[in-house]
């Protein structure tokens, strides 16, 4: 049976990208401990405001590569896949140009 995750409100499911090094141009940067890269696996529709019920739409979408803080969110395991669920506000940035990742392992 295939499990489908459908986050509610402004929640996002991220598949972490684990890397030993990151290469930007000719510079190789060792594994950074403060922030984490990941790919958006699924996201909710957005969150309604409490004052007038307007929907605050999501800025991220499935497939975006994002940076989020280490230790943020709740870990989820689906079979062999390791994911993290968090609120959109826990995401620091969306990467538009993805740096070369050396020794990349997705979701391990």
PDB file of N, CA and C in Angstrom:
ATOM      1  N   UNK A   1       0.836  -1.183   0.000  1.00  0.00           N
ATOM      2  CA  UNK A   1       0.000   0.000   0.000  1.00  0.00           C
ATOM      3  C   UNK A   1       0.883   1.250   0.000  1.00  0.00           C
ATOM      4  N   UNK A   2       0.568   2.189  -0.868  1.00  0.00           N
ATOM      5  CA  UNK A   2       1.313   3.437  -0.969  1.00  0.00           C
ATOM      6  C   UNK A   2       0.730   4.457   0.003  1.00  0.00           C
ATOM      7  N   UNK A   3       1.595   5.107   0.781  1.00  0.00           N
ATOM      8  CA  UNK A   3       1.171   6.117   1.739  1.00  0.00           C
ATOM      9  C   UNK A   3       1.343   7.492   1.104  1.00  0.00           C
ATOM     10  N   UNK A   4       0.305   8.314   1.203  1.00  0.00           N
ATOM     11  CA  UNK A   4       0.340   9.677   0.671  1.00  0.00           C
ATOM     12  C   UNK A   4       0.230  10.642   1.836  1.00  0.00           C
ATOM     13  N   UNK A   5       1.135  11.609   1.894  1.00  0.00           N
ATOM     14  CA  UNK A   5       1.082  12.634   2.941  1.00  0.00           C
ATOM     15  C   UNK A   5       0.499  13.896   2.323  1.00  0.00           C
ATOM     16  N   UNK A   6      -0.539  14.424   2.956  1.00  0.00           N
ATOM     17  CA  UNK A   6      -1.161  15.668   2.515  1.00  0.00           C
ATOM     18  C   UNK A   6      -1.164  16.619   3.709  1.00  0.00           C
ATOM     19  N   UNK A   7      -0.150  17.482   3.823  1.00  0.00           N
ATOM     20  CA  UNK A   7      -0.074  18.395   4.963  1.00  0.00           C
ATOM     21  C   UNK A   7      -1.272  19.352   4.992  1.00  0.00           C
ATOM     22  N   UNK A   8      -1.646  19.779   6.185  1.00  0.00           N
ATOM     23  CA  UNK A   8      -2.724  20.748   6.328  1.00  0.00           C
ATOM     24  C   UNK A   8      -2.147  22.130   6.614  1.00  0.00           C
ATOM     25  N   UNK A   9      -2.968  23.144   6.381  1.00  0.00           N
ATOM     26  CA  UNK A   9      -2.624  24.548   6.608  1.00  0.00           C
ATOM     27  C   UNK A   9      -1.278  24.899   5.974  1.00  0.00           C
ATOM     28  N   UNK A  10      -0.377  25.476   6.767  1.00  0.00           N
ATOM     29  CA  UNK A  10       0.898  25.964   6.217  1.00  0.00           C
ATOM     30  C   UNK A  10       2.058  25.007   6.508  1.00  0.00           C
ATOM     31  N   UNK A  11       1.735  23.731   6.643  1.00  0.00           N
ATOM     32  CA  UNK A  11       2.789  22.755   6.932  1.00  0.00           C
ATOM     33  C   UNK A  11       3.427  22.260   5.643  1.00  0.00           C
ATOM     34  N   UNK A  12       4.722  21.942   5.760  1.00  0.00           N
ATOM     35  CA  UNK A  12       5.524  21.505   4.620  1.00  0.00           C
ATOM     36  C   UNK A  12       6.275  20.240   5.016  1.00  0.00           C
ATOM     37  N   UNK A  13       6.338  19.268   4.119  1.00  0.00           N
ATOM     38  CA  UNK A  13       7.136  18.064   4.332  1.00  0.00           C
ATOM     39  C   UNK A  13       8.384  18.207   3.460  1.00  0.00           C
ATOM     40  N   UNK A  14       9.539  18.070   4.098  1.00  0.00           N
ATOM     41  CA  UNK A  14      10.835  18.250   3.438  1.00  0.00           C
ATOM     42  C   UNK A  14      11.589  16.931   3.411  1.00  0.00           C
ATOM     43  N   UNK A  15      12.228  16.645   2.279  1.00  0.00           N
ATOM     44  CA  UNK A  15      13.153  15.521   2.191  1.00  0.00           C
ATOM     45  C   UNK A  15      14.556  16.104   2.313  1.00  0.00           C
ATOM     46  N   UNK A  16      15.237  15.874   3.444  1.00  0.00           N
ATOM     47  CA  UNK A  16      16.562  16.465   3.652  1.00  0.00           C
ATOM     48  C   UNK A  16      17.572  16.012   2.599  1.00  0.00           C
ATOM     49  N   UNK A  17      18.477  16.923   2.261  1.00  0.00           N
ATOM     50  CA  UNK A  17      19.611  16.599   1.398  1.00  0.00           C
ATOM     51  C   UNK A  17      20.831  16.587   2.307  1.00  0.00           C
ATOM     52  N   UNK A  18      21.407  15.415   2.487  1.00  0.00           N
ATOM     53  CA  UNK A  18      22.581  15.272   3.342  1.00  0.00           C
ATOM     54  C   UNK A  18      23.805  15.312   2.441  1.00  0.00           C
ATOM     55  N   UNK A  19      24.752  16.181   2.767  1.00  0.00           N
ATOM     56  CA  UNK A  19      25.954  16.276   1.943  1.00  0.00           C
ATOM     57  C   UNK A  19      27.176  16.425   2.826  1.00  0.00           C
ATOM     58  N   UNK A  20      28.252  15.859   2.335  1.00  0.00           N
ATOM     59  CA  UNK A  20      29.511  15.964   3.074  1.00  0.00           C
ATOM     60  C   UNK A  20      30.198  17.301   2.770  1.00  0.00           C
ATOM     61  N   UNK A  21      30.049  17.761   1.535  1.00  0.00           N
ATOM     62  CA  UNK A  21      30.682  19.013   1.125  1.00  0.00           C
ATOM     63  C   UNK A  21      29.748  19.727   0.156  1.00  0.00           C
ATOM     64  N   UNK A  22      29.913  21.049   0.045  1.00  0.00           N
ATOM     65  CA  UNK A  22      29.186  21.819  -0.948  1.00  0.00           C
ATOM     66  C   UNK A  22      30.208  22.594  -1.765  1.00  0.00           C
ATOM     67  N   UNK A  23      30.072  22.560  -3.076  1.00  0.00           N
ATOM     68  CA  UNK A  23      31.014  23.248  -3.953  1.00  0.00           C
ATOM     69  C   UNK A  23      30.326  24.440  -4.590  1.00  0.00           C
ATOM     70  N   UNK A  24      30.877  25.626  -4.375  1.00  0.00           N
ATOM     71  CA  UNK A  24      30.389  26.845  -5.003  1.00  0.00           C
ATOM     72  C   UNK A  24      31.516  27.371  -5.863  1.00  0.00           C
ATOM     73  N   UNK A  25      31.372  27.280  -7.186  1.00  0.00           N
ATOM     74  CA  UNK A  25      32.459  27.637  -8.090  1.00  0.00           C
ATOM     75  C   UNK A  25      33.605  26.670  -7.878  1.00  0.00           C
ATOM     76  N   UNK A  26      34.776  27.186  -7.554  1.00  0.00           N
ATOM     77  CA  UNK A  26      35.950  26.358  -7.300  1.00  0.00           C
ATOM     78  C   UNK A  26      36.186  26.135  -5.803  1.00  0.00           C
ATOM     79  N   UNK A  27      35.330  26.692  -4.971  1.00  0.00           N
ATOM     80  CA  UNK A  27      35.502  26.590  -3.516  1.00  0.00           C
ATOM     81  C   UNK A  27      34.678  25.424  -2.989  1.00  0.00           C
ATOM     82  N   UNK A  28      35.296  24.555  -2.201  1.00  0.00           N
ATOM     83  CA  UNK A  28      34.588  23.437  -1.566  1.00  0.00           C
ATOM     84  C   UNK A  28      34.423  23.776  -0.093  1.00  0.00           C
ATOM     85  N   UNK A  29      33.178  23.776   0.378  1.00  0.00           N
ATOM     86  CA  UNK A  29      32.859  24.109   1.761  1.00  0.00           C
ATOM     87  C   UNK A  29      32.497  22.820   2.486  1.00  0.00           C
ATOM     88  N   UNK A  30      33.128  22.539   3.642  1.00  0.00           N
ATOM     89  CA  UNK A  30      32.772  21.336   4.404  1.00  0.00           C
ATOM     90  C   UNK A  30      31.313  21.388   4.838  1.00  0.00           C
ATOM     91  N   UNK A  31      30.809  20.246   5.280  1.00  0.00           N
ATOM     92  CA  UNK A  31      29.425  20.128   5.741  1.00  0.00           C
ATOM     93  C   UNK A  31      29.108  21.244   6.732  1.00  0.00           C
ATOM     94  N   UNK A  32      28.048  21.996   6.460  1.00  0.00           N
ATOM     95  CA  UNK A  32      27.675  23.106   7.334  1.00  0.00           C
ATOM     96  C   UNK A  32      26.704  22.592   8.387  1.00  0.00           C
ATOM     97  N   UNK A  33      26.944  22.920   9.634  1.00  0.00           N
ATOM     98  CA  UNK A  33      26.144  22.393  10.736  1.00  0.00           C
ATOM     99  C   UNK A  33      24.936  23.262  11.075  1.00  0.00           C
ATOM    100  N   UNK A  34      24.935  24.543  10.703  1.00  0.00           N
ATOM    101  CA  UNK A  34      23.874  25.423  11.175  1.00  0.00           C
ATOM    102  C   UNK A  34      22.574  25.314  10.387  1.00  0.00           C
ATOM    103  N   UNK A  35      22.638  25.221   9.080  1.00  0.00           N
ATOM    104  CA  UNK A  35      21.432  25.169   8.257  1.00  0.00           C
ATOM    105  C   UNK A  35      21.415  23.904   7.418  1.00  0.00           C
ATOM    106  N   UNK A  36      20.234  23.517   6.981  1.00  0.00           N
ATOM    107  CA  UNK A  36      20.058  22.271   6.264  1.00  0.00           C
ATOM    108  C   UNK A  36      19.369  22.547   4.926  1.00  0.00           C
ATOM    109  N   UNK A  37      19.783  21.805   3.910  1.00  0.00           N
ATOM    110  CA  UNK A  37      19.135  21.859   2.606  1.00  0.00           C
ATOM    111  C   UNK A  37      18.123  20.732   2.510  1.00  0.00           C
ATOM    112  N   UNK A  38      17.055  20.965   1.763  1.00  0.00           N
ATOM    113  CA  UNK A  38      16.075  19.919   1.543  1.00  0.00           C
ATOM    114  C   UNK A  38      15.223  20.228   0.331  1.00  0.00           C
ATOM    115  N   UNK A  39      14.500  19.216  -0.118  1.00  0.00           N
ATOM    116  CA  UNK A  39      13.583  19.361  -1.237  1.00  0.00           C
ATOM    117  C   UNK A  39      12.163  19.243  -0.704  1.00  0.00           C
ATOM    118  N   UNK A  40      11.296  20.161  -1.124  1.00  0.00           N
ATOM    119  CA  UNK A  40       9.905  20.122  -0.680  1.00  0.00           C
ATOM    120  C   UNK A  40       9.242  18.882  -1.281  1.00  0.00           C
ATOM    121  N   UNK A  41       8.761  18.003  -0.415  1.00  0.00           N
ATOM    122  CA  UNK A  41       8.134  16.740  -0.796  1.00  0.00           C
ATOM    123  C   UNK A  41       6.626  16.924  -0.960  1.00  0.00           C
ATOM    124  N   UNK A  42       6.026  17.749  -0.071  1.00  0.00           N
ATOM    125  CA  UNK A  42       4.589  18.048  -0.120  1.00  0.00           C
ATOM    126  C   UNK A  42       4.335  19.300   0.702  1.00  0.00           C
ATOM    127  N   UNK A  43       3.278  20.033   0.377  1.00  0.00           N
ATOM    128  CA  UNK A  43       2.934  21.205   1.189  1.00  0.00           C
ATOM    129  C   UNK A  43       1.425  21.398   1.213  1.00  0.00           C
ATOM    130  N   UNK A  44       0.980  22.021   2.300  1.00  0.00           N
ATOM    131  CA  UNK A  44      -0.439  22.289   2.482  1.00  0.00           C
ATOM    132  C   UNK A  44      -0.895  23.460   1.622  1.00  0.00           C
ATOM    133  N   UNK A  45      -2.190  23.807   1.686  1.00  0.00           N
ATOM    134  CA  UNK A  45      -2.754  24.860   0.849  1.00  0.00           C
ATOM    135  C   UNK A  45      -2.478  26.276   1.339  1.00  0.00           C
ATOM    136  N   UNK A  46      -2.082  26.426   2.587  1.00  0.00           N
ATOM    137  CA  UNK A  46      -1.883  27.747   3.177  1.00  0.00           C
ATOM    138  C   UNK A  46      -2.693  27.836   4.456  1.00  0.00           C
ATOM    139  N   UNK A  47      -2.622  28.982   5.106  1.00  0.00           N
ATOM    140  CA  UNK A  47      -3.285  29.137   6.397  1.00  0.00           C
ATOM    141  C   UNK A  47      -4.204  30.350   6.363  1.00  0.00           C
ATOM    142  N   UNK A  48      -5.378  30.214   6.957  1.00  0.00           N
ATOM    143  CA  UNK A  48      -6.318  31.332   7.034  1.00  0.00           C
ATOM    144  C   UNK A  48      -5.916  32.259   8.169  1.00  0.00           C
ATOM    145  N   UNK A  49      -6.095  33.571   7.946  1.00  0.00           N
ATOM    146  CA  UNK A  49      -5.832  34.534   9.008  1.00  0.00           C
ATOM    147  C   UNK A  49      -6.959  34.456  10.025  1.00  0.00           C
ATOM    148  N   UNK A  50      -6.645  34.775  11.263  1.00  0.00           N
ATOM    149  CA  UNK A  50      -7.646  34.718  12.328  1.00  0.00           C
ATOM    150  C   UNK A  50      -8.596  35.912  12.274  1.00  0.00           C
ATOM    151  N   UNK A  51      -8.132  37.031  11.729  1.00  0.00           N
ATOM    152  CA  UNK A  51      -8.943  38.247  11.750  1.00  0.00           C
ATOM    153  C   UNK A  51     -10.038  38.266  10.692  1.00  0.00           C
ATOM    154  N   UNK A  52      -9.698  37.928   9.434  1.00  0.00           N
ATOM    155  CA  UNK A  52     -10.716  38.031   8.382  1.00  0.00           C
ATOM    156  C   UNK A  52     -10.860  36.770   7.533  1.00  0.00           C
ATOM    157  N   UNK A  53     -10.146  35.700   7.890  1.00  0.00           N
ATOM    158  CA  UNK A  53     -10.298  34.435   7.178  1.00  0.00           C
ATOM    159  C   UNK A  53      -9.632  34.373   5.813  1.00  0.00           C
ATOM    160  N   UNK A  54      -8.830  35.387   5.469  1.00  0.00           N
ATOM    161  CA  UNK A  54      -8.098  35.349   4.189  1.00  0.00           C
ATOM    162  C   UNK A  54      -7.101  34.208   4.201  1.00  0.00           C
ATOM    163  N   UNK A  55      -6.884  33.596   3.047  1.00  0.00           N
ATOM    164  CA  UNK A  55      -5.920  32.513   2.931  1.00  0.00           C
ATOM    165  C   UNK A  55      -4.536  33.087   2.637  1.00  0.00           C
ATOM    166  N   UNK A  56      -3.579  32.800   3.507  1.00  0.00           N
ATOM    167  CA  UNK A  56      -2.180  33.177   3.259  1.00  0.00           C
ATOM    168  C   UNK A  56      -1.599  32.038   2.437  1.00  0.00           C
ATOM    169  N   UNK A  57      -1.315  32.301   1.177  1.00  0.00           N
ATOM    170  CA  UNK A  57      -0.868  31.250   0.257  1.00  0.00           C
ATOM    171  C   UNK A  57       0.566  30.822   0.551  1.00  0.00           C
ATOM    172  N   UNK A  58       0.906  29.663   0.060  1.00  0.00           N
ATOM    173  CA  UNK A  58       2.242  29.109   0.259  1.00  0.00           C
ATOM    174  C   UNK A  58       3.228  29.725  -0.723  1.00  0.00           C
ATOM    175  N   UNK A  59       4.421  30.036  -0.224  1.00  0.00           N
ATOM    176  CA  UNK A  59       5.479  30.547  -1.087  1.00  0.00           C
ATOM    177  C   UNK A  59       6.310  29.413  -1.670  1.00  0.00           C
ATOM    178  N   UNK A  60       6.295  28.258  -1.002  1.00  0.00           N
ATOM    179  CA  UNK A  60       7.045  27.103  -1.497  1.00  0.00           C
ATOM    180  C   UNK A  60       6.097  26.155  -2.225  1.00  0.00           C
ATOM    181  N   UNK A  61       6.678  25.347  -3.095  1.00  0.00           N
ATOM    182  CA  UNK A  61       5.894  24.345  -3.812  1.00  0.00           C
ATOM    183  C   UNK A  61       6.705  23.064  -3.904  1.00  0.00           C
ATOM    184  N   UNK A  62       6.030  21.989  -4.229  1.00  0.00           N
ATOM    185  CA  UNK A  62       6.690  20.692  -4.355  1.00  0.00           C
ATOM    186  C   UNK A  62       7.846  20.801  -5.345  1.00  0.00           C
ATOM    187  N   UNK A  63       9.011  20.264  -4.943  1.00  0.00           N
ATOM    188  CA  UNK A  63      10.191  20.278  -5.799  1.00  0.00           C
ATOM    189  C   UNK A  63      11.165  21.415  -5.516  1.00  0.00           C
ATOM    190  N   UNK A  64      10.733  22.455  -4.767  1.00  0.00           N
ATOM    191  CA  UNK A  64      11.648  23.554  -4.419  1.00  0.00           C
ATOM    192  C   UNK A  64      12.769  23.040  -3.526  1.00  0.00           C
ATOM    193  N   UNK A  65      13.963  23.577  -3.705  1.00  0.00           N
ATOM    194  CA  UNK A  65      15.079  23.302  -2.802  1.00  0.00           C
ATOM    195  C   UNK A  65      15.131  24.455  -1.809  1.00  0.00           C
ATOM    196  N   UNK A  66      15.111  24.117  -0.518  1.00  0.00           N
ATOM    197  CA  UNK A  66      15.010  25.138   0.522  1.00  0.00           C
ATOM    198  C   UNK A  66      16.109  24.969   1.576  1.00  0.00           C
ATOM    199  N   UNK A  67      16.319  26.039   2.336  1.00  0.00           N
ATOM    200  CA  UNK A  67      17.223  26.021   3.489  1.00  0.00           C
ATOM    201  C   UNK A  67      16.357  26.200   4.726  1.00  0.00           C
ATOM    202  N   UNK A  68      16.590  25.376   5.736  1.00  0.00           N
ATOM    203  CA  UNK A  68      15.869  25.507   7.006  1.00  0.00           C
ATOM    204  C   UNK A  68      16.848  25.267   8.137  1.00  0.00           C
ATOM    205  N   UNK A  69      16.490  25.698   9.335  1.00  0.00           N
ATOM    206  CA  UNK A  69      17.375  25.566  10.484  1.00  0.00           C
ATOM    207  C   UNK A  69      17.477  24.144  10.997  1.00  0.00           C
ATOM    208  N   UNK A  70      18.660  23.771  11.437  1.00  0.00           N
ATOM    209  CA  UNK A  70      18.872  22.440  12.006  1.00  0.00           C
ATOM    210  C   UNK A  70      18.033  22.303  13.279  1.00  0.00           C
ATOM    211  N   UNK A  71      17.415  21.147  13.464  1.00  0.00           N
ATOM    212  CA  UNK A  71      16.609  20.890  14.654  1.00  0.00           C
ATOM    213  C   UNK A  71      15.173  21.376  14.547  1.00  0.00           C
ATOM    214  N   UNK A  72      14.791  21.914  13.388  1.00  0.00           N
ATOM    215  CA  UNK A  72      13.433  22.420  13.190  1.00  0.00           C
ATOM    216  C   UNK A  72      12.552  21.294  12.662  1.00  0.00           C
ATOM    217  N   UNK A  73      11.316  21.246  13.100  1.00  0.00           N
ATOM    218  CA  UNK A  73      10.349  20.305  12.547  1.00  0.00           C
ATOM    219  C   UNK A  73      10.301  18.968  13.262  1.00  0.00           C
ATOM    220  N   UNK A  74       9.368  18.148  12.788  1.00  0.00           N
ATOM    221  CA  UNK A  74       9.150  16.820  13.354  1.00  0.00           C
ATOM    222  C   UNK A  74       9.584  15.762  12.357  1.00  0.00           C
ATOM    223  N   UNK A  75      10.464  14.832  12.762  1.00  0.00           N
ATOM    224  CA  UNK A  75      10.899  13.779  11.838  1.00  0.00           C
ATOM    225  C   UNK A  75       9.773  12.797  11.533  1.00  0.00           C
ATOM    226  N   UNK A  76       9.733  12.341  10.290  1.00  0.00           N
ATOM    227  CA  UNK A  76       8.754  11.350   9.830  1.00  0.00           C
ATOM    228  C   UNK A  76       9.525  10.292   9.059  1.00  0.00           C
ATOM    229  N   UNK A  77       9.185   9.030   9.255  1.00  0.00           N
ATOM    230  CA  UNK A  77       9.806   7.953   8.487  1.00  0.00           C
ATOM    231  C   UNK A  77       8.705   7.209   7.739  1.00  0.00           C
ATOM    232  N   UNK A  78       8.838   7.154   6.416  1.00  0.00           N
ATOM    233  CA  UNK A  78       7.913   6.398   5.571  1.00  0.00           C
ATOM    234  C   UNK A  78       8.714   5.288   4.913  1.00  0.00           C
ATOM    235  N   UNK A  79       8.638   4.091   5.455  1.00  0.00           N
ATOM    236  CA  UNK A  79       9.456   2.998   4.928  1.00  0.00           C
ATOM    237  C   UNK A  79      10.926   3.331   5.104  1.00  0.00           C
ATOM    238  N   UNK A  80      11.647   3.457   3.993  1.00  0.00           N
ATOM    239  CA  UNK A  80      13.074   3.807   4.017  1.00  0.00           C
ATOM    240  C   UNK A  80      13.300   5.315   3.941  1.00  0.00           C
ATOM    241  N   UNK A  81      12.244   6.069   3.663  1.00  0.00           N
ATOM    242  CA  UNK A  81      12.366   7.505   3.425  1.00  0.00           C
ATOM    243  C   UNK A  81      12.281   8.295   4.723  1.00  0.00           C
ATOM    244  N   UNK A  82      13.291   9.164   4.956  1.00  0.00           N
ATOM    245  CA  UNK A  82      13.314  10.023   6.138  1.00  0.00           C
ATOM    246  C   UNK A  82      12.927  11.431   5.715  1.00  0.00           C
ATOM    247  N   UNK A  83      11.879  11.958   6.349  1.00  0.00           N
ATOM    248  CA  UNK A  83      11.349  13.275   6.014  1.00  0.00           C
ATOM    249  C   UNK A  83      11.248  14.119   7.273  1.00  0.00           C
ATOM    250  N   UNK A  84      11.005  15.417   7.092  1.00  0.00           N
ATOM    251  CA  UNK A  84      10.804  16.329   8.211  1.00  0.00           C
ATOM    252  C   UNK A  84       9.581  17.190   7.896  1.00  0.00           C
ATOM    253  N   UNK A  85       8.646  17.317   8.872  1.00  0.00           N
ATOM    254  CA  UNK A  85       7.487  18.191   8.690  1.00  0.00           C
ATOM    255  C   UNK A  85       7.676  19.439   9.530  1.00  0.00           C
ATOM    256  N   UNK A  86       7.390  20.595   8.935  1.00  0.00           N
ATOM    257  CA  UNK A  86       7.548  21.876   9.621  1.00  0.00           C
ATOM    258  C   UNK A  86       6.547  22.876   9.058  1.00  0.00           C
ATOM    259  N   UNK A  87       6.466  24.026   9.661  1.00  0.00           N
ATOM    260  CA  UNK A  87       5.642  25.109   9.125  1.00  0.00           C
ATOM    261  C   UNK A  87       6.466  25.876   8.087  1.00  0.00           C
ATOM    262  N   UNK A  88       5.760  26.484   7.145  1.00  0.00           N
ATOM    263  CA  UNK A  88       6.447  27.262   6.114  1.00  0.00           C
ATOM    264  C   UNK A  88       7.339  28.342   6.737  1.00  0.00           C
ATOM    265  N   UNK A  89       6.920  28.926   7.857  1.00  0.00           N
ATOM    266  CA  UNK A  89       7.695  29.992   8.497  1.00  0.00           C
ATOM    267  C   UNK A  89       9.034  29.497   9.045  1.00  0.00           C
ATOM    268  N   UNK A  90       9.225  28.171   9.167  1.00  0.00           N
ATOM    269  CA  UNK A  90      10.508  27.623   9.611  1.00  0.00           C
ATOM    270  C   UNK A  90      11.527  27.550   8.472  1.00  0.00           C
ATOM    271  N   UNK A  91      11.069  27.757   7.245  1.00  0.00           N
ATOM    272  CA  UNK A  91      11.974  27.738   6.090  1.00  0.00           C
ATOM    273  C   UNK A  91      12.638  29.099   5.975  1.00  0.00           C
ATOM    274  N   UNK A  92      13.960  29.094   5.831  1.00  0.00           N
ATOM    275  CA  UNK A  92      14.734  30.328   5.789  1.00  0.00           C
ATOM    276  C   UNK A  92      14.748  30.930   4.381  1.00  0.00           C
ATOM    277  N   UNK A  93      14.917  30.072   3.356  1.00  0.00           N
ATOM    278  CA  UNK A  93      15.041  30.575   1.986  1.00  0.00           C
ATOM    279  C   UNK A  93      14.750  29.479   0.973  1.00  0.00           C
ATOM    280  N   UNK A  94      14.383  29.908  -0.228  1.00  0.00           N
ATOM    281  CA  UNK A  94      14.249  29.018  -1.378  1.00  0.00           C
ATOM    282  C   UNK A  94      15.466  29.266  -2.261  1.00  0.00           C
ATOM    283  N   UNK A  95      16.156  28.193  -2.639  1.00  0.00           N
ATOM    284  CA  UNK A  95      17.326  28.339  -3.507  1.00  0.00           C
ATOM    285  C   UNK A  95      16.873  28.325  -4.961  1.00  0.00           C
ATOM    286  N   UNK A  96      17.214  29.387  -5.683  1.00  0.00           N
ATOM    287  CA  UNK A  96      16.860  29.447  -7.103  1.00  0.00           C
ATOM    288  C   UNK A  96      17.963  28.865  -7.961  1.00  0.00           C
ATOM    289  N   UNK A  97      19.207  29.047  -7.538  1.00  0.00           N
ATOM    290  CA  UNK A  97      20.342  28.414  -8.206  1.00  0.00           C
ATOM    291  C   UNK A  97      20.953  27.462  -7.202  1.00  0.00           C
ATOM    292  N   UNK A  98      20.913  26.189  -7.502  1.00  0.00           N
ATOM    293  CA  UNK A  98      21.366  25.181  -6.565  1.00  0.00           C
ATOM    294  C   UNK A  98      22.871  24.991  -6.709  1.00  0.00           C
ATOM    295  N   UNK A  99      23.641  25.129  -5.597  1.00  0.00           N
ATOM    296  CA  UNK A  99      25.085  24.908  -5.663  1.00  0.00           C
ATOM    297  C   UNK A  99      25.397  23.452  -5.967  1.00  0.00           C
ATOM    298  N   UNK A 100      26.606  23.204  -6.514  1.00  0.00           N
ATOM    299  CA  UNK A 100      27.037  21.826  -6.759  1.00  0.00           C
ATOM    300  C   UNK A 100      27.176  21.125  -5.416  1.00  0.00           C
ATOM    301  N   UNK A 101      26.484  20.019  -5.270  1.00  0.00           N
ATOM    302  CA  UNK A 101      26.563  19.260  -4.036  1.00  0.00           C
ATOM    303  C   UNK A 101      27.493  18.082  -4.244  1.00  0.00           C
ATOM    304  N   UNK A 102      28.484  17.948  -3.387  1.00  0.00           N
ATOM    305  CA  UNK A 102      29.448  16.870  -3.485  1.00  0.00           C
ATOM    306  C   UNK A 102      29.052  15.799  -2.481  1.00  0.00           C
ATOM    307  N   UNK A 103      29.110  14.526  -2.882  1.00  0.00           N
ATOM    308  CA  UNK A 103      28.731  13.414  -2.002  1.00  0.00           C
ATOM    309  C   UNK A 103      27.312  13.564  -1.468  1.00  0.00           C
ATOM    310  N   UNK A 104      26.388  13.858  -2.349  1.00  0.00           N
ATOM    311  CA  UNK A 104      25.004  14.100  -1.947  1.00  0.00           C
ATOM    312  C   UNK A 104      24.263  12.804  -1.682  1.00  0.00           C
ATOM    313  N   UNK A 105      23.509  12.775  -0.590  1.00  0.00           N
ATOM    314  CA  UNK A 105      22.649  11.637  -0.247  1.00  0.00           C
ATOM    315  C   UNK A 105      21.314  12.220   0.150  1.00  0.00           C
ATOM    316  N   UNK A 106      20.269  11.970  -0.618  1.00  0.00           N
ATOM    317  CA  UNK A 106      18.957  12.527  -0.313  1.00  0.00           C
ATOM    318  C   UNK A 106      18.263  11.635   0.701  1.00  0.00           C
ATOM    319  N   UNK A 107      17.784  12.271   1.787  1.00  0.00           N
ATOM    320  CA  UNK A 107      16.960  11.600   2.774  1.00  0.00           C
ATOM    321  C   UNK A 107      17.628  10.498   3.574  1.00  0.00           C
ATOM    322  N   UNK A 108      18.932  10.515   3.723  1.00  0.00           N
ATOM    323  CA  UNK A 108      19.629   9.470   4.502  1.00  0.00           C
ATOM    324  C   UNK A 108      20.123  10.039   5.803  1.00  0.00           C
TER     325      UNK A 108
END
